[in-house]
Amino acid sequence: MILSPSAPGRVPGPRHRRSAFTLVEVLISSLVMAIVLGGSLALIMQTRRLTEGSIVQMATVNVLQGYIEQMKNMDYNSLRISPAAAGTTVVIPTQIDEVTPDPLTLSWGSPPSSLPAMNAVPTGAIDNTKNITIRNPAVNPNDTISINVWIWVQDLTGVSANVTNAKSITMIYTYRFRDGGRVRAFRGSIRSIRSVVPTF
């Protein structure tokens, strides 16, 4: 039996080493943690902004689609068309709800063939400004969307040999909403056809 040398009265055993983080290691780990948390916070804020933007866009399109549905449900002959030139005001008797009138004034001439730039106003465009308050937990309770609408109704009868008793409805809209400390603006269009469908 071989014994390892040791001091008298001491029992040999494993050696334990105590270690701790140095100040440099603590600073580096804190920096890494701050970068990770900062990225996560930025991701959360961006997701919130995109969600709010989607809610505002859906609310705007739903309001405008409601106007178009009212126009499509009117008697075909009572749906007036846009005047050919300035000087005549044509109003469509739409409503914002079941009892509140909210008429739309038609623009004159023809609608532009493509969506105009944000600051451009096409010839003949008459602005219908609508302020809609959104009450949704995902956005500020009293946040208001400002919608500017240009609308044209054109008679398509005779445009083609196969088209009779049809009218096109074109809406170009711009909406603005407050996104944090700044106001953001977007532009889009909705197009639809109103036709006479015979019933039997």
N, C-alpha and C. Protein backbone atom coordinates (compact mmCIF):
# COMPACT_ATOMS: atom_id res chain seq x y z
N MET A 1 0.84 -1.15 0.00
CA MET A 1 0.00 0.00 0.00
C MET A 1 0.89 1.23 0.00
N ILE A 2 0.59 2.11 -0.95
CA ILE A 2 1.41 3.32 -1.09
C ILE A 2 0.59 4.49 -0.64
N LEU A 3 1.10 5.27 0.23
CA LEU A 3 0.41 6.44 0.74
C LEU A 3 1.08 7.68 0.20
N SER A 4 0.24 8.68 -0.11
CA SER A 4 0.82 9.94 -0.58
C SER A 4 1.32 10.72 0.62
N PRO A 5 2.42 11.43 0.45
CA PRO A 5 2.96 12.17 1.58
C PRO A 5 2.02 13.28 2.00
N SER A 6 1.85 13.45 3.25
CA SER A 6 0.99 14.52 3.78
C SER A 6 1.54 14.96 5.12
N ALA A 7 1.09 16.12 5.49
CA ALA A 7 1.55 16.63 6.78
C ALA A 7 0.92 15.81 7.90
N PRO A 8 1.63 15.70 9.03
CA PRO A 8 1.06 14.91 10.12
C PRO A 8 -0.24 15.54 10.62
N GLY A 9 -1.23 14.67 10.83
CA GLY A 9 -2.52 15.12 11.34
C GLY A 9 -3.47 15.64 10.27
N ARG A 10 -3.08 15.69 8.99
CA ARG A 10 -3.93 16.16 7.90
C ARG A 10 -4.37 15.01 7.03
N VAL A 11 -5.64 14.97 6.74
CA VAL A 11 -6.16 13.91 5.87
C VAL A 11 -6.18 14.46 4.45
N PRO A 12 -5.57 13.76 3.51
CA PRO A 12 -5.57 14.24 2.13
C PRO A 12 -6.99 14.23 1.55
N GLY A 13 -7.32 15.19 0.71
CA GLY A 13 -8.64 15.26 0.07
C GLY A 13 -8.57 16.10 -1.20
N PRO A 14 -9.68 16.19 -1.91
CA PRO A 14 -9.69 16.96 -3.16
C PRO A 14 -9.50 18.43 -2.88
N ARG A 15 -8.90 19.10 -3.81
CA ARG A 15 -8.66 20.52 -3.66
C ARG A 15 -9.81 21.30 -4.31
N HIS A 16 -10.41 22.22 -3.59
CA HIS A 16 -11.51 23.05 -4.09
C HIS A 16 -10.99 24.42 -4.42
N ARG A 17 -11.40 24.91 -5.62
CA ARG A 17 -10.95 26.23 -6.03
C ARG A 17 -12.16 27.15 -6.15
N ARG A 18 -12.13 28.25 -5.49
CA ARG A 18 -13.22 29.22 -5.58
C ARG A 18 -12.91 30.19 -6.70
N SER A 19 -13.98 30.44 -7.56
CA SER A 19 -13.79 31.41 -8.64
C SER A 19 -15.01 32.31 -8.70
N ALA A 20 -14.86 33.52 -9.21
CA ALA A 20 -15.94 34.49 -9.34
C ALA A 20 -15.78 35.22 -10.67
N PHE A 21 -16.88 35.91 -11.08
CA PHE A 21 -16.80 36.69 -12.31
C PHE A 21 -15.95 37.94 -12.07
N THR A 22 -15.19 38.25 -13.06
CA THR A 22 -14.42 39.48 -12.97
C THR A 22 -15.30 40.64 -13.41
N LEU A 23 -14.86 41.84 -13.14
CA LEU A 23 -15.62 43.03 -13.52
C LEU A 23 -15.79 43.12 -15.04
N VAL A 24 -14.79 42.72 -15.80
CA VAL A 24 -14.87 42.75 -17.26
C VAL A 24 -15.93 41.77 -17.75
N GLU A 25 -15.99 40.58 -17.17
CA GLU A 25 -17.00 39.59 -17.57
C GLU A 25 -18.41 40.10 -17.26
N VAL A 26 -18.59 40.75 -16.13
CA VAL A 26 -19.90 41.29 -15.77
C VAL A 26 -20.31 42.39 -16.74
N LEU A 27 -19.36 43.27 -17.10
CA LEU A 27 -19.67 44.33 -18.04
C LEU A 27 -20.03 43.79 -19.42
N ILE A 28 -19.31 42.79 -19.89
CA ILE A 28 -19.59 42.20 -21.21
C ILE A 28 -20.95 41.51 -21.21
N SER A 29 -21.26 40.76 -20.16
CA SER A 29 -22.57 40.08 -20.11
C SER A 29 -23.71 41.10 -20.01
N SER A 30 -23.49 42.20 -19.29
CA SER A 30 -24.51 43.26 -19.21
C SER A 30 -24.74 43.90 -20.58
N LEU A 31 -23.65 44.11 -21.32
CA LEU A 31 -23.76 44.69 -22.66
C LEU A 31 -24.53 43.76 -23.61
N VAL A 32 -24.23 42.48 -23.57
CA VAL A 32 -24.94 41.51 -24.41
C VAL A 32 -26.42 41.48 -24.04
N MET A 33 -26.73 41.50 -22.74
CA MET A 33 -28.12 41.48 -22.29
C MET A 33 -28.85 42.74 -22.75
N ALA A 34 -28.19 43.90 -22.69
CA ALA A 34 -28.81 45.15 -23.13
C ALA A 34 -29.11 45.11 -24.62
N ILE A 35 -28.20 44.55 -25.43
CA ILE A 35 -28.42 44.45 -26.88
C ILE A 35 -29.61 43.54 -27.18
N VAL A 36 -29.69 42.41 -26.49
CA VAL A 36 -30.80 41.47 -26.71
C VAL A 36 -32.13 42.10 -26.30
N LEU A 37 -32.15 42.73 -25.12
CA LEU A 37 -33.40 43.35 -24.66
C LEU A 37 -33.79 44.53 -25.54
N GLY A 38 -32.82 45.31 -26.00
CA GLY A 38 -33.12 46.43 -26.90
C GLY A 38 -33.72 45.95 -28.21
N GLY A 39 -33.18 44.86 -28.76
CA GLY A 39 -33.74 44.30 -29.99
C GLY A 39 -35.15 43.78 -29.78
N SER A 40 -35.38 43.14 -28.64
CA SER A 40 -36.73 42.63 -28.34
C SER A 40 -37.72 43.77 -28.19
N LEU A 41 -37.31 44.84 -27.52
CA LEU A 41 -38.18 46.00 -27.35
C LEU A 41 -38.50 46.65 -28.70
N ALA A 42 -37.50 46.77 -29.56
CA ALA A 42 -37.74 47.34 -30.90
C ALA A 42 -38.71 46.47 -31.70
N LEU A 43 -38.57 45.15 -31.58
CA LEU A 43 -39.47 44.23 -32.28
C LEU A 43 -40.90 44.38 -31.77
N ILE A 44 -41.08 44.51 -30.47
CA ILE A 44 -42.41 44.68 -29.90
C ILE A 44 -43.03 45.99 -30.37
N MET A 45 -42.26 47.07 -30.38
CA MET A 45 -42.78 48.36 -30.82
C MET A 45 -43.15 48.35 -32.30
N GLN A 46 -42.33 47.71 -33.12
CA GLN A 46 -42.63 47.62 -34.56
C GLN A 46 -43.88 46.80 -34.80
N THR A 47 -44.05 45.71 -34.06
CA THR A 47 -45.25 44.87 -34.19
C THR A 47 -46.49 45.66 -33.81
N ARG A 48 -46.39 46.44 -32.74
CA ARG A 48 -47.52 47.27 -32.30
C ARG A 48 -47.88 48.30 -33.37
N ARG A 49 -46.88 48.95 -33.96
CA ARG A 49 -47.14 49.95 -35.01
C ARG A 49 -47.81 49.31 -36.22
N LEU A 50 -47.33 48.14 -36.62
CA LEU A 50 -47.92 47.46 -37.78
C LEU A 50 -49.37 47.05 -37.49
N THR A 51 -49.62 46.59 -36.27
CA THR A 51 -50.98 46.19 -35.90
C THR A 51 -51.92 47.39 -35.92
N GLU A 52 -51.48 48.51 -35.34
CA GLU A 52 -52.30 49.71 -35.36
C GLU A 52 -52.55 50.19 -36.78
N GLY A 53 -51.51 50.14 -37.62
CA GLY A 53 -51.68 50.54 -39.02
C GLY A 53 -52.68 49.67 -39.74
N SER A 54 -52.67 48.37 -39.47
CA SER A 54 -53.63 47.45 -40.10
C SER A 54 -55.05 47.74 -39.65
N ILE A 55 -55.22 48.04 -38.36
CA ILE A 55 -56.56 48.35 -37.84
C ILE A 55 -57.10 49.62 -38.49
N VAL A 56 -56.26 50.64 -38.61
CA VAL A 56 -56.69 51.89 -39.22
C VAL A 56 -57.04 51.67 -40.70
N GLN A 57 -56.22 50.89 -41.40
CA GLN A 57 -56.49 50.62 -42.81
C GLN A 57 -57.80 49.87 -42.97
N MET A 58 -58.04 48.84 -42.15
CA MET A 58 -59.28 48.08 -42.25
C MET A 58 -60.49 48.94 -41.93
N ALA A 59 -60.37 49.81 -40.91
CA ALA A 59 -61.49 50.70 -40.57
C ALA A 59 -61.80 51.65 -41.71
N THR A 60 -60.76 52.20 -42.34
CA THR A 60 -60.96 53.13 -43.46
C THR A 60 -61.65 52.43 -44.63
N VAL A 61 -61.14 51.27 -45.02
CA VAL A 61 -61.72 50.54 -46.15
C VAL A 61 -63.15 50.12 -45.84
N ASN A 62 -63.43 49.71 -44.59
CA ASN A 62 -64.80 49.32 -44.23
C ASN A 62 -65.77 50.49 -44.34
N VAL A 63 -65.34 51.68 -43.91
CA VAL A 63 -66.20 52.86 -44.02
C VAL A 63 -66.49 53.17 -45.49
N LEU A 64 -65.45 53.16 -46.32
CA LEU A 64 -65.64 53.48 -47.74
C LEU A 64 -66.43 52.39 -48.46
N GLN A 65 -66.21 51.13 -48.08
CA GLN A 65 -66.98 50.04 -48.68
C GLN A 65 -68.46 50.18 -48.31
N GLY A 66 -68.73 50.72 -47.11
CA GLY A 66 -70.12 50.96 -46.72
C GLY A 66 -70.79 51.98 -47.62
N TYR A 67 -70.05 53.03 -48.00
CA TYR A 67 -70.61 54.02 -48.94
C TYR A 67 -70.89 53.36 -50.29
N ILE A 68 -69.95 52.55 -50.76
CA ILE A 68 -70.14 51.90 -52.07
C ILE A 68 -71.33 50.95 -52.03
N GLU A 69 -71.49 50.20 -50.94
CA GLU A 69 -72.62 49.29 -50.83
C GLU A 69 -73.94 50.05 -50.84
N GLN A 70 -73.98 51.22 -50.20
CA GLN A 70 -75.19 52.04 -50.25
C GLN A 70 -75.50 52.46 -51.68
N MET A 71 -74.46 52.85 -52.42
CA MET A 71 -74.65 53.27 -53.80
C MET A 71 -75.09 52.11 -54.68
N LYS A 72 -74.59 50.92 -54.40
CA LYS A 72 -74.97 49.75 -55.20
C LYS A 72 -76.38 49.28 -54.88
N ASN A 73 -76.90 49.66 -53.69
CA ASN A 73 -78.25 49.26 -53.32
C ASN A 73 -79.31 50.31 -53.66
N MET A 74 -78.88 51.46 -54.18
CA MET A 74 -79.84 52.47 -54.63
C MET A 74 -80.53 51.99 -55.90
N ASP A 75 -81.66 52.63 -56.18
CA ASP A 75 -82.30 52.38 -57.46
C ASP A 75 -81.32 52.81 -58.56
N TYR A 76 -81.21 52.00 -59.59
CA TYR A 76 -80.21 52.25 -60.63
C TYR A 76 -80.35 53.64 -61.23
N ASN A 77 -81.57 54.07 -61.51
CA ASN A 77 -81.78 55.37 -62.16
C ASN A 77 -81.54 56.54 -61.21
N SER A 78 -81.62 56.30 -59.89
CA SER A 78 -81.38 57.40 -58.94
C SER A 78 -79.89 57.57 -58.64
N LEU A 79 -79.05 56.63 -59.06
CA LEU A 79 -77.60 56.78 -58.88
C LEU A 79 -77.09 57.70 -59.99
N ARG A 80 -76.89 58.95 -59.64
CA ARG A 80 -76.49 59.95 -60.64
C ARG A 80 -75.02 59.79 -61.00
N ILE A 81 -74.66 60.31 -62.16
CA ILE A 81 -73.28 60.20 -62.64
C ILE A 81 -72.56 61.53 -62.47
N SER A 82 -71.24 61.48 -62.53
CA SER A 82 -70.42 62.68 -62.38
C SER A 82 -70.68 63.65 -63.52
N PRO A 83 -70.72 64.95 -63.21
CA PRO A 83 -70.88 65.93 -64.29
C PRO A 83 -69.66 65.94 -65.20
N ALA A 84 -69.86 66.28 -66.46
CA ALA A 84 -68.77 66.27 -67.43
C ALA A 84 -67.76 67.38 -67.16
N ALA A 85 -68.21 68.50 -66.61
CA ALA A 85 -67.32 69.64 -66.35
C ALA A 85 -67.77 70.34 -65.09
N ALA A 86 -66.95 71.27 -64.64
CA ALA A 86 -67.25 72.02 -63.42
C ALA A 86 -68.48 72.89 -63.62
N GLY A 87 -69.12 73.24 -62.53
CA GLY A 87 -70.28 74.12 -62.60
C GLY A 87 -71.54 73.46 -62.08
N THR A 88 -71.57 72.15 -62.04
CA THR A 88 -72.73 71.43 -61.53
C THR A 88 -72.30 70.59 -60.34
N THR A 89 -73.06 70.66 -59.26
CA THR A 89 -72.77 69.84 -58.08
C THR A 89 -73.73 68.66 -58.05
N VAL A 90 -73.18 67.48 -57.98
CA VAL A 90 -73.99 66.26 -57.91
C VAL A 90 -73.70 65.59 -56.58
N VAL A 91 -74.77 65.35 -55.81
CA VAL A 91 -74.63 64.78 -54.47
C VAL A 91 -75.32 63.43 -54.43
N ILE A 92 -74.64 62.46 -53.82
CA ILE A 92 -75.21 61.13 -53.60
C ILE A 92 -75.68 61.07 -52.15
N PRO A 93 -76.97 60.76 -51.90
CA PRO A 93 -77.51 60.79 -50.53
C PRO A 93 -77.15 59.55 -49.71
N THR A 94 -75.90 59.45 -49.32
CA THR A 94 -75.47 58.33 -48.47
C THR A 94 -75.64 58.71 -47.01
N GLN A 95 -75.47 57.71 -46.12
CA GLN A 95 -75.61 57.93 -44.68
C GLN A 95 -74.44 57.30 -43.95
N ILE A 96 -74.11 57.85 -42.77
CA ILE A 96 -73.04 57.28 -41.96
C ILE A 96 -73.57 56.17 -41.06
N ASP A 97 -74.87 56.24 -40.75
CA ASP A 97 -75.55 55.17 -40.01
C ASP A 97 -77.00 55.14 -40.47
N GLU A 98 -77.86 54.48 -39.74
CA GLU A 98 -79.24 54.31 -40.20
C GLU A 98 -80.06 55.59 -40.23
N VAL A 99 -79.64 56.61 -39.45
CA VAL A 99 -80.45 57.83 -39.37
C VAL A 99 -79.71 59.11 -39.74
N THR A 100 -78.37 59.06 -39.78
CA THR A 100 -77.60 60.29 -39.98
C THR A 100 -77.17 60.44 -41.43
N PRO A 101 -77.66 61.48 -42.13
CA PRO A 101 -77.22 61.70 -43.51
C PRO A 101 -75.74 62.07 -43.56
N ASP A 102 -75.06 61.57 -44.55
CA ASP A 102 -73.63 61.87 -44.76
C ASP A 102 -73.37 61.81 -46.27
N PRO A 103 -73.88 62.82 -47.02
CA PRO A 103 -73.82 62.75 -48.48
C PRO A 103 -72.40 62.86 -49.03
N LEU A 104 -72.22 62.31 -50.23
CA LEU A 104 -70.96 62.40 -50.96
C LEU A 104 -71.16 63.27 -52.19
N THR A 105 -70.25 64.19 -52.42
CA THR A 105 -70.30 65.04 -53.62
C THR A 105 -69.40 64.42 -54.68
N LEU A 106 -69.95 64.22 -55.88
CA LEU A 106 -69.19 63.59 -56.96
C LEU A 106 -68.18 64.57 -57.57
N SER A 107 -67.02 64.04 -57.93
CA SER A 107 -66.04 64.81 -58.68
C SER A 107 -66.50 64.88 -60.13
N TRP A 108 -66.02 65.88 -60.87
CA TRP A 108 -66.44 66.01 -62.26
C TRP A 108 -65.36 65.49 -63.20
N GLY A 109 -65.79 65.19 -64.44
CA GLY A 109 -64.86 64.63 -65.43
C GLY A 109 -64.70 63.14 -65.23
N SER A 110 -63.53 62.65 -65.59
CA SER A 110 -63.23 61.22 -65.49
C SER A 110 -62.18 60.98 -64.42
N PRO A 111 -62.25 59.81 -63.76
CA PRO A 111 -61.23 59.51 -62.75
C PRO A 111 -59.89 59.25 -63.41
N PRO A 112 -58.79 59.47 -62.69
CA PRO A 112 -57.47 59.17 -63.27
C PRO A 112 -57.32 57.68 -63.50
N SER A 113 -56.56 57.32 -64.52
CA SER A 113 -56.38 55.90 -64.86
C SER A 113 -55.46 55.18 -63.88
N SER A 114 -54.62 55.93 -63.17
CA SER A 114 -53.74 55.33 -62.17
C SER A 114 -53.79 56.17 -60.90
N LEU A 115 -53.33 55.61 -59.82
CA LEU A 115 -53.36 56.29 -58.53
C LEU A 115 -52.40 57.47 -58.53
N PRO A 116 -52.89 58.69 -58.27
CA PRO A 116 -51.98 59.85 -58.29
C PRO A 116 -51.03 59.84 -57.10
N ALA A 117 -49.95 60.59 -57.22
CA ALA A 117 -48.98 60.71 -56.13
C ALA A 117 -49.66 61.33 -54.91
N MET A 118 -49.02 61.17 -53.75
CA MET A 118 -49.63 61.57 -52.49
C MET A 118 -50.07 63.03 -52.47
N ASN A 119 -49.28 63.94 -52.99
CA ASN A 119 -49.61 65.36 -52.94
C ASN A 119 -50.32 65.86 -54.19
N ALA A 120 -50.58 64.99 -55.16
CA ALA A 120 -51.22 65.41 -56.41
C ALA A 120 -52.74 65.34 -56.29
N VAL A 121 -53.41 66.31 -56.89
CA VAL A 121 -54.88 66.34 -56.94
C VAL A 121 -55.29 66.31 -58.40
N PRO A 122 -56.00 65.26 -58.84
CA PRO A 122 -56.39 65.19 -60.24
C PRO A 122 -57.41 66.27 -60.60
N THR A 123 -57.47 66.60 -61.88
CA THR A 123 -58.41 67.60 -62.37
C THR A 123 -59.84 67.15 -62.09
N GLY A 124 -60.62 68.04 -61.53
CA GLY A 124 -62.02 67.75 -61.27
C GLY A 124 -62.30 67.10 -59.94
N ALA A 125 -61.27 66.77 -59.16
CA ALA A 125 -61.49 66.09 -57.89
C ALA A 125 -62.14 67.02 -56.87
N ILE A 126 -63.24 66.57 -56.28
CA ILE A 126 -63.91 67.32 -55.22
C ILE A 126 -63.75 66.52 -53.94
N ASP A 127 -63.22 67.19 -52.93
CA ASP A 127 -62.86 66.51 -51.69
C ASP A 127 -64.07 66.32 -50.78
N ASN A 128 -64.24 65.09 -50.31
CA ASN A 128 -65.21 64.77 -49.26
C ASN A 128 -64.39 64.36 -48.04
N THR A 129 -64.34 65.19 -47.03
CA THR A 129 -63.55 64.89 -45.84
C THR A 129 -64.43 64.21 -44.80
N LYS A 130 -63.96 63.08 -44.31
CA LYS A 130 -64.67 62.32 -43.28
C LYS A 130 -63.73 62.11 -42.11
N ASN A 131 -64.19 62.38 -40.90
CA ASN A 131 -63.42 62.13 -39.69
C ASN A 131 -64.09 61.01 -38.92
N ILE A 132 -63.39 59.89 -38.80
CA ILE A 132 -63.93 58.70 -38.16
C ILE A 132 -63.16 58.45 -36.87
N THR A 133 -63.88 58.27 -35.77
CA THR A 133 -63.25 57.95 -34.49
C THR A 133 -63.28 56.45 -34.30
N ILE A 134 -62.10 55.88 -34.05
CA ILE A 134 -61.99 54.44 -33.81
C ILE A 134 -62.07 54.21 -32.31
N ARG A 135 -62.89 53.29 -31.92
CA ARG A 135 -62.93 52.89 -30.51
C ARG A 135 -62.57 51.42 -30.46
N ASN A 136 -61.29 51.18 -30.31
CA ASN A 136 -60.76 49.81 -30.32
C ASN A 136 -59.63 49.75 -29.30
N PRO A 137 -59.58 48.71 -28.48
CA PRO A 137 -58.53 48.65 -27.47
C PRO A 137 -57.12 48.64 -28.04
N ALA A 138 -56.98 48.25 -29.29
CA ALA A 138 -55.64 48.16 -29.87
C ALA A 138 -55.07 49.53 -30.21
N VAL A 139 -55.92 50.56 -30.31
CA VAL A 139 -55.44 51.91 -30.60
C VAL A 139 -55.93 52.85 -29.52
N ASN A 140 -55.50 54.08 -29.57
CA ASN A 140 -55.95 55.05 -28.58
C ASN A 140 -57.46 55.20 -28.64
N PRO A 141 -58.14 55.23 -27.49
CA PRO A 141 -59.61 55.23 -27.47
C PRO A 141 -60.23 56.36 -28.27
N ASN A 142 -59.61 57.52 -28.32
CA ASN A 142 -60.20 58.66 -29.02
C ASN A 142 -59.43 59.01 -30.29
N ASP A 143 -58.73 58.06 -30.85
CA ASP A 143 -57.95 58.32 -32.06
C ASP A 143 -58.91 58.55 -33.23
N THR A 144 -58.63 59.56 -34.03
CA THR A 144 -59.48 59.91 -35.16
C THR A 144 -58.73 59.72 -36.47
N ILE A 145 -59.41 59.09 -37.42
CA ILE A 145 -58.85 58.93 -38.76
C ILE A 145 -59.46 60.03 -39.63
N SER A 146 -58.63 60.77 -40.31
CA SER A 146 -59.10 61.77 -41.26
C SER A 146 -59.01 61.17 -42.66
N ILE A 147 -60.17 61.05 -43.33
CA ILE A 147 -60.23 60.43 -44.66
C ILE A 147 -60.67 61.48 -45.67
N ASN A 148 -59.90 61.63 -46.73
CA ASN A 148 -60.28 62.49 -47.85
C ASN A 148 -60.66 61.59 -49.01
N VAL A 149 -61.86 61.79 -49.55
CA VAL A 149 -62.40 60.89 -50.58
C VAL A 149 -62.75 61.69 -51.83
N TRP A 150 -62.27 61.20 -52.98
CA TRP A 150 -62.72 61.71 -54.28
C TRP A 150 -63.49 60.58 -54.93
N ILE A 151 -64.66 60.89 -55.46
CA ILE A 151 -65.50 59.83 -56.02
C ILE A 151 -66.06 60.23 -57.38
N TRP A 152 -66.02 59.27 -58.29
CA TRP A 152 -66.58 59.45 -59.64
C TRP A 152 -67.55 58.31 -59.92
N VAL A 153 -68.68 58.63 -60.56
CA VAL A 153 -69.61 57.62 -61.07
C VAL A 153 -69.74 57.87 -62.56
N GLN A 154 -69.39 56.86 -63.35
CA GLN A 154 -69.40 56.98 -64.82
C GLN A 154 -70.40 56.00 -65.42
N ASP A 155 -71.12 56.44 -66.45
CA ASP A 155 -72.03 55.57 -67.17
C ASP A 155 -71.23 54.77 -68.20
N LEU A 156 -71.28 53.45 -68.08
CA LEU A 156 -70.53 52.58 -68.99
C LEU A 156 -71.34 52.13 -70.19
N THR A 157 -72.60 52.51 -70.24
CA THR A 157 -73.46 52.10 -71.36
C THR A 157 -72.89 52.66 -72.66
N GLY A 158 -72.69 51.80 -73.64
CA GLY A 158 -72.18 52.22 -74.93
C GLY A 158 -70.66 52.25 -75.03
N VAL A 159 -69.96 52.03 -73.91
CA VAL A 159 -68.50 51.98 -73.98
C VAL A 159 -68.06 50.79 -74.82
N SER A 160 -68.80 49.72 -74.71
CA SER A 160 -68.54 48.52 -75.50
C SER A 160 -69.89 47.99 -75.99
N ALA A 161 -69.85 47.23 -77.06
CA ALA A 161 -71.10 46.68 -77.60
C ALA A 161 -71.78 45.75 -76.61
N ASN A 162 -71.02 45.16 -75.69
CA ASN A 162 -71.56 44.19 -74.74
C ASN A 162 -71.98 44.82 -73.41
N VAL A 163 -71.82 46.14 -73.27
CA VAL A 163 -72.12 46.79 -71.99
C VAL A 163 -73.39 47.63 -72.13
N THR A 164 -74.39 47.30 -71.31
CA THR A 164 -75.60 48.12 -71.23
C THR A 164 -76.00 48.22 -69.77
N ASN A 165 -76.55 49.37 -69.41
CA ASN A 165 -77.05 49.59 -68.06
C ASN A 165 -76.03 49.23 -66.99
N ALA A 166 -74.88 49.88 -67.05
CA ALA A 166 -73.83 49.67 -66.04
C ALA A 166 -73.16 51.00 -65.72
N LYS A 167 -72.81 51.16 -64.47
CA LYS A 167 -72.11 52.36 -64.01
C LYS A 167 -70.89 51.94 -63.19
N SER A 168 -69.80 52.66 -63.41
CA SER A 168 -68.59 52.38 -62.63
C SER A 168 -68.52 53.37 -61.47
N ILE A 169 -68.06 52.87 -60.32
CA ILE A 169 -67.86 53.70 -59.14
C ILE A 169 -66.37 53.66 -58.81
N THR A 170 -65.74 54.82 -58.77
CA THR A 170 -64.31 54.91 -58.46
C THR A 170 -64.12 55.83 -57.25
N MET A 171 -63.46 55.31 -56.23
CA MET A 171 -63.12 56.11 -55.05
C MET A 171 -61.61 56.15 -54.91
N ILE A 172 -61.06 57.33 -54.79
CA ILE A 172 -59.64 57.48 -54.43
C ILE A 172 -59.63 58.15 -53.06
N TYR A 173 -58.92 57.57 -52.14
CA TYR A 173 -58.95 58.07 -50.77
C TYR A 173 -57.54 58.24 -50.22
N THR A 174 -57.44 59.18 -49.30
CA THR A 174 -56.22 59.39 -48.53
C THR A 174 -56.63 59.41 -47.07
N TYR A 175 -55.94 58.65 -46.26
CA TYR A 175 -56.25 58.70 -44.83
C TYR A 175 -55.00 59.00 -44.03
N ARG A 176 -55.22 59.68 -42.92
CA ARG A 176 -54.13 60.08 -42.04
C ARG A 176 -54.45 59.64 -40.63
N PHE A 177 -53.44 59.22 -39.90
CA PHE A 177 -53.62 58.90 -38.50
C PHE A 177 -52.32 59.16 -37.76
N ARG A 178 -52.45 59.39 -36.46
CA ARG A 178 -51.28 59.69 -35.63
C ARG A 178 -50.60 58.40 -35.22
N ASP A 179 -49.33 58.30 -35.55
CA ASP A 179 -48.52 57.14 -35.21
C ASP A 179 -47.41 57.62 -34.29
N GLY A 180 -47.67 57.51 -32.99
CA GLY A 180 -46.71 58.04 -32.03
C GLY A 180 -46.72 59.56 -32.11
N GLY A 181 -45.56 60.15 -32.37
CA GLY A 181 -45.46 61.59 -32.43
C GLY A 181 -45.60 62.17 -33.82
N ARG A 182 -45.89 61.35 -34.83
CA ARG A 182 -45.99 61.87 -36.19
C ARG A 182 -47.29 61.43 -36.84
N VAL A 183 -47.69 62.16 -37.87
CA VAL A 183 -48.90 61.82 -38.62
C VAL A 183 -48.48 61.12 -39.90
N ARG A 184 -49.03 59.94 -40.13
CA ARG A 184 -48.72 59.17 -41.34
C ARG A 184 -49.90 59.25 -42.29
N ALA A 185 -49.62 59.27 -43.59
CA ALA A 185 -50.66 59.37 -44.62
C ALA A 185 -50.49 58.25 -45.64
N PHE A 186 -51.62 57.70 -46.10
CA PHE A 186 -51.63 56.64 -47.09
C PHE A 186 -52.71 56.94 -48.13
N ARG A 187 -52.53 56.45 -49.34
CA ARG A 187 -53.50 56.66 -50.41
C ARG A 187 -53.83 55.32 -51.06
N GLY A 188 -55.09 55.16 -51.45
CA GLY A 188 -55.52 53.93 -52.12
C GLY A 188 -56.76 54.21 -52.96
N SER A 189 -57.28 53.17 -53.59
CA SER A 189 -58.49 53.33 -54.41
C SER A 189 -59.36 52.09 -54.31
N ILE A 190 -60.65 52.30 -54.54
CA ILE A 190 -61.63 51.22 -54.59
C ILE A 190 -62.44 51.43 -55.85
N ARG A 191 -62.60 50.38 -56.62
CA ARG A 191 -63.40 50.47 -57.85
C ARG A 191 -64.45 49.36 -57.83
N SER A 192 -65.64 49.72 -58.32
CA SER A 192 -66.74 48.77 -58.34
C SER A 192 -67.65 49.06 -59.53
N ILE A 193 -68.50 48.11 -59.84
CA ILE A 193 -69.45 48.25 -60.96
C ILE A 193 -70.87 48.10 -60.40
N ARG A 194 -71.74 49.00 -60.80
CA ARG A 194 -73.17 48.91 -60.46
C ARG A 194 -73.90 48.62 -61.75
N SER A 195 -74.63 47.51 -61.77
CA SER A 195 -75.33 47.15 -63.00
C SER A 195 -76.80 46.86 -62.70
N VAL A 196 -77.60 46.84 -63.76
CA VAL A 196 -78.99 46.45 -63.64
C VAL A 196 -79.07 44.95 -63.90
N VAL A 197 -79.55 44.22 -62.92
CA VAL A 197 -79.68 42.77 -63.07
C VAL A 197 -81.17 42.46 -63.16
N PRO A 198 -81.63 41.90 -64.28
CA PRO A 198 -83.08 41.61 -64.39
C PRO A 198 -83.50 40.54 -63.41
N THR A 199 -84.68 40.70 -62.83
CA THR A 199 -85.22 39.70 -61.92
C THR A 199 -86.44 39.04 -62.57
N PHE A 200 -86.61 37.77 -62.32
CA PHE A 200 -87.71 37.01 -62.95
C PHE A 200 -88.60 36.42 -61.87
